[in-house]
Protein backbone atom coordinates (compact mmCIF):
# COMPACT_ATOMS: atom_id res chain seq x y z
CA MET A 1 70.46 -29.58 -17.73
CA PRO A 2 66.57 -28.97 -17.74
CA GLN A 3 65.65 -25.66 -18.87
CA ILE A 4 61.95 -23.63 -18.00
CA ARG A 5 59.73 -22.25 -20.99
CA CYS A 6 58.36 -19.20 -20.57
CA PRO A 7 54.42 -19.37 -21.34
CA ASN A 8 54.39 -15.77 -22.56
CA CYS A 9 57.01 -15.55 -24.74
CA GLY A 10 57.99 -19.32 -25.69
CA LEU A 11 61.80 -18.58 -24.68
CA THR A 12 63.60 -21.36 -23.10
CA ILE A 13 65.06 -20.06 -19.54
CA SER A 14 68.65 -20.91 -18.34
CA MET A 15 71.32 -19.25 -16.47
CA LYS A 16 73.44 -18.74 -19.91
CA ASN A 17 70.48 -16.21 -20.78
CA ARG A 18 69.81 -14.28 -17.75
CA LYS A 19 71.37 -11.50 -18.38
CA GLU A 20 69.47 -10.87 -21.54
CA ILE A 21 66.18 -11.52 -19.69
CA ASP A 22 67.08 -9.01 -17.14
CA LEU A 23 67.47 -6.43 -20.25
CA ASP A 24 64.41 -7.50 -22.22
CA LEU A 25 62.01 -7.03 -19.11
CA ILE A 26 63.54 -3.45 -18.40
CA THR A 27 62.78 -2.75 -22.51
CA HIS A 28 59.88 -4.07 -22.64
CA ALA A 29 58.28 -1.90 -19.02
CA VAL A 30 59.64 1.45 -20.67
CA GLN A 31 58.22 0.66 -23.80
CA SER A 32 54.85 2.44 -23.24
CA GLY A 33 56.38 5.44 -21.97
CA PRO A 34 58.96 7.27 -19.25
CA LYS A 35 58.84 4.92 -15.92
CA THR A 36 60.86 6.00 -13.06
CA PHE A 37 63.22 3.84 -11.05
CA THR A 38 60.72 2.61 -8.49
CA TYR A 39 58.04 1.56 -11.23
CA LEU A 40 60.66 -0.67 -13.04
CA LEU A 41 61.64 -1.84 -9.32
CA HIS A 42 58.17 -3.41 -8.86
CA ALA A 43 57.48 -4.26 -12.76
CA THR A 44 60.59 -5.98 -13.20
CA LYS A 45 60.88 -7.60 -9.84
CA LEU A 46 64.84 -7.39 -10.45
CA PRO A 47 66.97 -7.01 -6.96
CA ARG A 48 67.74 -3.38 -6.92
CA LYS A 49 71.63 -3.78 -7.28
CA THR A 50 70.94 -5.84 -10.81
CA LEU A 51 68.52 -3.41 -12.12
CA CYS A 52 70.91 -0.62 -11.11
CA LEU A 53 73.57 -2.71 -13.22
CA ARG A 54 71.00 -3.24 -16.04
CA LEU A 55 70.11 0.05 -16.18
CA ARG A 56 73.27 1.54 -16.54
CA GLU A 57 74.17 -0.79 -19.23
CA LEU A 58 71.37 0.18 -21.19
CA CYS A 59 72.11 3.88 -20.60
CA GLU A 60 75.69 3.64 -21.66
CA GLY A 61 74.87 1.55 -24.74
CA GLY A 62 72.03 4.55 -25.71
CA MET A 63 69.05 2.25 -25.60
CA ILE A 64 67.28 3.64 -23.02
CA LEU A 65 67.79 7.41 -21.77
CA LYS A 66 67.56 8.77 -18.11
CA ARG A 67 66.08 12.58 -18.09
CA GLU A 68 65.09 14.17 -15.31
CA GLY A 69 64.64 10.99 -13.11
CA VAL A 70 63.08 8.64 -15.40
CA TYR A 71 63.93 6.34 -17.99
CA MET A 72 62.66 5.76 -21.28
CA LEU A 73 63.77 4.03 -25.15
CA ASP A 74 65.81 5.39 -27.07
CA GLU A 75 63.41 5.28 -30.02
CA THR A 76 66.17 5.64 -32.68
CA ARG A 77 68.45 3.24 -31.50
CA ILE A 78 65.16 1.27 -31.25
CA MET A 79 65.05 1.21 -34.75
CA GLU A 80 68.51 0.63 -35.96
CA SER A 81 69.27 -2.30 -33.68
CA ARG A 82 65.63 -4.58 -34.70
CA SER A 83 68.04 -5.14 -37.56
CA THR A 84 70.57 -6.64 -35.50
CA THR A 85 70.64 -9.82 -33.15
CA HIS A 86 70.39 -7.95 -30.29
CA PHE A 87 66.71 -8.27 -30.81
CA ARG A 88 66.26 -11.23 -32.20
CA ARG A 89 64.78 -13.52 -29.03
CA PHE A 90 62.20 -10.71 -27.95
CA SER A 91 59.85 -8.09 -29.56
CA ALA A 92 56.37 -6.65 -28.74
CA MET A 93 54.71 -9.81 -30.49
CA PRO A 94 56.06 -12.64 -28.47
CA TYR A 95 54.00 -11.41 -25.14
CA ASP A 96 50.48 -11.40 -27.17
CA LYS A 97 49.39 -15.11 -27.20
CA ARG A 98 47.45 -14.60 -29.96
CA VAL A 99 50.13 -13.27 -32.49
CA ARG A 100 52.31 -16.10 -31.25
CA ALA A 101 49.99 -18.60 -31.84
CA GLY A 102 49.07 -16.99 -35.80
CA ILE A 103 52.77 -17.41 -36.33
CA LEU A 104 52.52 -20.67 -35.12
CA LEU A 105 50.07 -21.77 -37.64
CA ALA A 106 51.78 -19.54 -40.50
CA LEU A 107 54.77 -21.98 -39.96
CA LEU A 108 52.81 -25.18 -39.96
CA ILE A 109 51.04 -24.31 -42.85
CA VAL A 110 53.92 -23.81 -45.23
CA SER A 111 55.52 -26.25 -44.29
CA THR A 112 53.74 -29.25 -44.07
CA PRO A 113 51.13 -30.52 -46.65
CA VAL A 114 49.06 -31.96 -44.44
CA ALA A 115 48.27 -28.76 -42.91
CA ALA A 116 47.20 -27.24 -46.29
CA GLN A 117 44.50 -29.92 -46.15
CA VAL A 118 43.73 -29.04 -42.54
CA LEU A 119 43.18 -25.54 -43.33
CA ALA A 120 40.86 -26.60 -46.79
CA SER A 121 38.80 -28.40 -44.41
CA LEU A 122 37.93 -25.22 -42.57
CA PHE A 123 36.12 -23.78 -45.40
CA ILE A 124 33.98 -27.03 -45.78
CA THR A 125 30.89 -27.51 -44.24
CA SER A 126 31.07 -30.45 -41.86
CA LEU A 127 28.62 -32.82 -40.08
CA PRO A 128 27.14 -31.99 -36.60
CA ALA A 129 30.03 -32.98 -34.40
CA ALA A 130 29.08 -35.38 -31.75
CA PRO A 131 27.98 -34.32 -28.54
CA GLU A 132 29.63 -34.08 -25.64
CA PRO A 133 29.63 -36.61 -22.54
CA VAL A 134 27.51 -34.94 -19.53
CA ILE A 135 30.09 -34.20 -16.53
CA ILE A 136 28.25 -35.64 -13.62
CA GLY A 137 30.50 -34.68 -11.11
CA SER A 138 34.12 -32.96 -10.44
CA PHE A 139 37.00 -33.44 -7.72
CA ASN A 140 40.39 -31.35 -6.66
CA MET A 141 43.51 -32.61 -7.11
CA VAL A 142 46.56 -31.02 -5.19
CA LEU A 143 50.14 -31.12 -6.62
CA LYS A 144 52.30 -31.15 -3.51
CA ILE A 145 56.19 -30.76 -3.43
CA HIS A 146 58.05 -32.00 -0.04
CA ASP A 147 61.11 -31.36 1.73
CA VAL A 148 63.21 -29.57 -1.63
CA SER A 149 66.35 -27.67 -1.30
CA ASN A 150 67.44 -24.64 -3.71
CA LEU A 151 64.68 -25.28 -6.25
CA TYR A 152 64.29 -22.66 -9.13
CA GLY A 153 62.10 -24.25 -11.50
CA TRP A 154 59.89 -27.31 -12.02
CA GLN A 155 57.68 -28.61 -14.66
CA VAL A 156 55.38 -31.89 -14.48
CA CYS A 157 52.96 -33.78 -16.58
CA ILE A 158 49.86 -35.11 -15.55
CA ALA A 159 48.30 -37.75 -17.69
CA TYR A 160 44.64 -38.62 -17.14
CA ASN A 161 41.70 -41.21 -18.90
CA LYS A 162 40.26 -38.64 -21.31
CA ALA A 163 37.29 -40.81 -22.04
CA GLN A 164 36.58 -40.52 -18.02
CA ILE A 165 37.66 -36.90 -17.02
CA LYS A 166 38.27 -33.41 -18.53
CA VAL A 167 40.25 -30.90 -16.65
CA LEU A 168 37.93 -27.89 -15.23
CA ALA A 169 40.35 -25.40 -14.02
CA ILE A 170 44.18 -25.26 -12.49
CA GLU A 171 44.74 -22.68 -10.09
CA ALA A 172 48.21 -21.34 -8.46
CA GLY A 173 49.42 -23.36 -4.87
CA ASP A 174 51.91 -21.81 -2.38
CA PHE A 175 54.98 -21.43 -4.87
CA PRO A 176 56.59 -18.19 -4.29
CA GLU A 177 54.88 -15.76 -6.37
CA THR A 178 57.11 -14.91 -9.39
CA ILE A 179 57.10 -12.78 -12.68
CA LEU A 180 54.83 -15.12 -14.21
CA LYS A 181 52.13 -14.39 -11.88
CA GLY A 182 51.01 -17.92 -11.20
CA VAL A 183 51.26 -21.00 -12.69
CA TRP A 184 51.26 -21.89 -16.57
CA ASN A 185 49.81 -25.00 -18.28
CA MET A 186 49.71 -26.61 -21.67
CA THR A 187 46.15 -28.89 -21.21
CA SER A 188 45.63 -31.14 -24.08
CA SER A 189 41.95 -32.64 -24.20
CA GLU A 190 43.05 -34.57 -26.95
CA GLY A 191 45.83 -36.36 -25.84
CA GLY A 192 44.67 -36.72 -22.09
CA PHE A 193 47.37 -34.89 -20.47
CA VAL A 194 48.25 -31.46 -18.44
CA PHE A 195 51.86 -29.82 -18.96
CA ILE A 196 52.19 -27.76 -15.69
CA GLY A 197 55.02 -25.53 -13.99
CA ASP A 198 56.58 -22.40 -12.59
CA SER A 199 59.92 -20.68 -12.28
CA LEU A 200 61.68 -17.97 -10.09
CA ILE A 201 62.56 -15.91 -12.88
CA GLY A 202 63.63 -12.31 -11.28
CA SER A 203 64.21 -13.69 -8.39
CA PRO A 204 68.05 -13.52 -7.21
CA SER A 205 67.59 -17.23 -4.90
CA ALA A 206 65.87 -20.21 -5.24
CA TRP A 207 63.24 -21.71 -2.66
CA SER A 208 63.42 -24.27 -0.35
CA GLY A 209 60.42 -26.38 1.44
CA SER A 210 57.26 -27.97 1.16
CA CYS A 211 54.17 -26.32 -0.24
CA ARG A 212 51.46 -27.01 -2.67
CA LEU A 213 52.36 -25.90 -6.70
CA ALA A 214 48.79 -26.19 -7.99
CA ILE A 215 44.85 -27.00 -7.47
CA ILE A 216 43.82 -28.79 -11.04
CA THR A 217 39.85 -29.49 -10.77
CA PHE A 218 38.80 -32.40 -13.01
CA GLY A 219 34.88 -33.40 -14.20
CA TYR A 220 34.21 -37.06 -15.15
CA TYR A 221 31.83 -38.48 -16.84
CA VAL A 222 31.28 -41.45 -14.84
CA GLU A 223 31.50 -42.54 -11.18
CA THR A 224 34.28 -45.80 -11.77
CA TYR A 225 37.10 -43.04 -13.02
CA THR A 226 41.08 -43.82 -12.57
CA LYS A 227 42.79 -40.87 -11.01
CA PRO A 228 44.93 -38.88 -13.02
CA ASP A 229 48.92 -39.47 -11.81
CA ILE A 230 52.64 -37.93 -12.40
CA VAL A 231 54.26 -39.33 -15.90
CA PRO A 232 58.06 -38.85 -16.19
CA THR A 233 57.38 -37.52 -19.95
CA ILE A 234 54.37 -37.74 -22.89
CA GLY A 235 53.86 -36.22 -26.00
CA GLY A 236 57.88 -35.18 -25.78
CA LEU A 237 57.44 -33.23 -22.53
CA ASN A 238 59.03 -34.32 -19.24
CA THR A 239 58.73 -33.91 -15.92
CA ALA A 240 61.48 -31.88 -13.82
CA LEU A 241 62.79 -30.14 -11.31
CA CYS A 242 66.06 -27.86 -11.42
CA ASP A 243 68.09 -25.50 -8.91
CA SER A 244 69.51 -22.65 -8.90
CA ALA A 245 72.51 -23.71 -11.53
CA GLN A 246 70.48 -25.22 -13.63
CA ASN A 247 70.96 -28.66 -12.30
CA SER A 248 68.64 -31.80 -12.42
CA MET A 249 67.39 -32.39 -9.20
CA ALA A 250 65.18 -35.88 -8.27
CA TRP A 251 61.84 -35.72 -8.34
CA GLU A 252 60.20 -39.41 -7.88
CA ASN A 253 59.83 -38.79 -4.10
CA ALA A 254 59.30 -35.09 -3.75
CA LEU A 255 56.07 -34.80 -5.94
CA ALA A 256 52.69 -36.08 -5.28
CA LEU A 257 49.36 -35.77 -6.97
CA THR A 258 46.55 -36.59 -4.18
CA VAL A 259 42.97 -35.55 -3.95
CA GLU A 260 42.33 -32.78 -1.75
CA ASN A 261 39.87 -33.59 1.04
CA PRO A 262 36.76 -32.29 1.12
């Protein structure tokens, strides 16, 4: 069963933890202060009925208080519950990519001897790095999807020759705008691949049709370069489509990566 990973918190999204995600979206939205129902409706992008049900659950559980028409956190209950498993998946920290990167680095350092050597090398003056090849031009490639039904999430691996080209920019296409506000991506210049995706988090239904998923701008170092292409898997990651029930969908004939016409 394919799963979609959120770029902000690193959480793997599935139908089983959907309710927990909804509750955290609401809790996170009111962390900065009291909010109206209308504000929460726009901030979480949850359906009105779903938002009402989730707010009722949070109020009955004492996590959120409703006073004079606005919703706010019950700080006493929040402090108590942080020591339980209710908040084990989400906190304010994972929403900051810099903090998350620091946590991952710390885990790497304490878990591998090699990492200790890498950290030590940061304090040693090294020889000047070799100059990067000069980019002599650029081109756009469009990631498209054709004639799909009931699509809820997608993720695509794109491989390229790092000695010939590099990624300059990635823009969202025409896939319905979601709570993530555009595509997420993981670009590896050392490995020569792009891992890109999106999902309809917060949407009550899936999507059907054809559209551009993303536009990727590449710069090239040589005139005769090999064009990037979609691959099934790379670096432990895989290309996948999933429907609203989180079932895997065939992608070979649905996805295409083509050079954009001038």
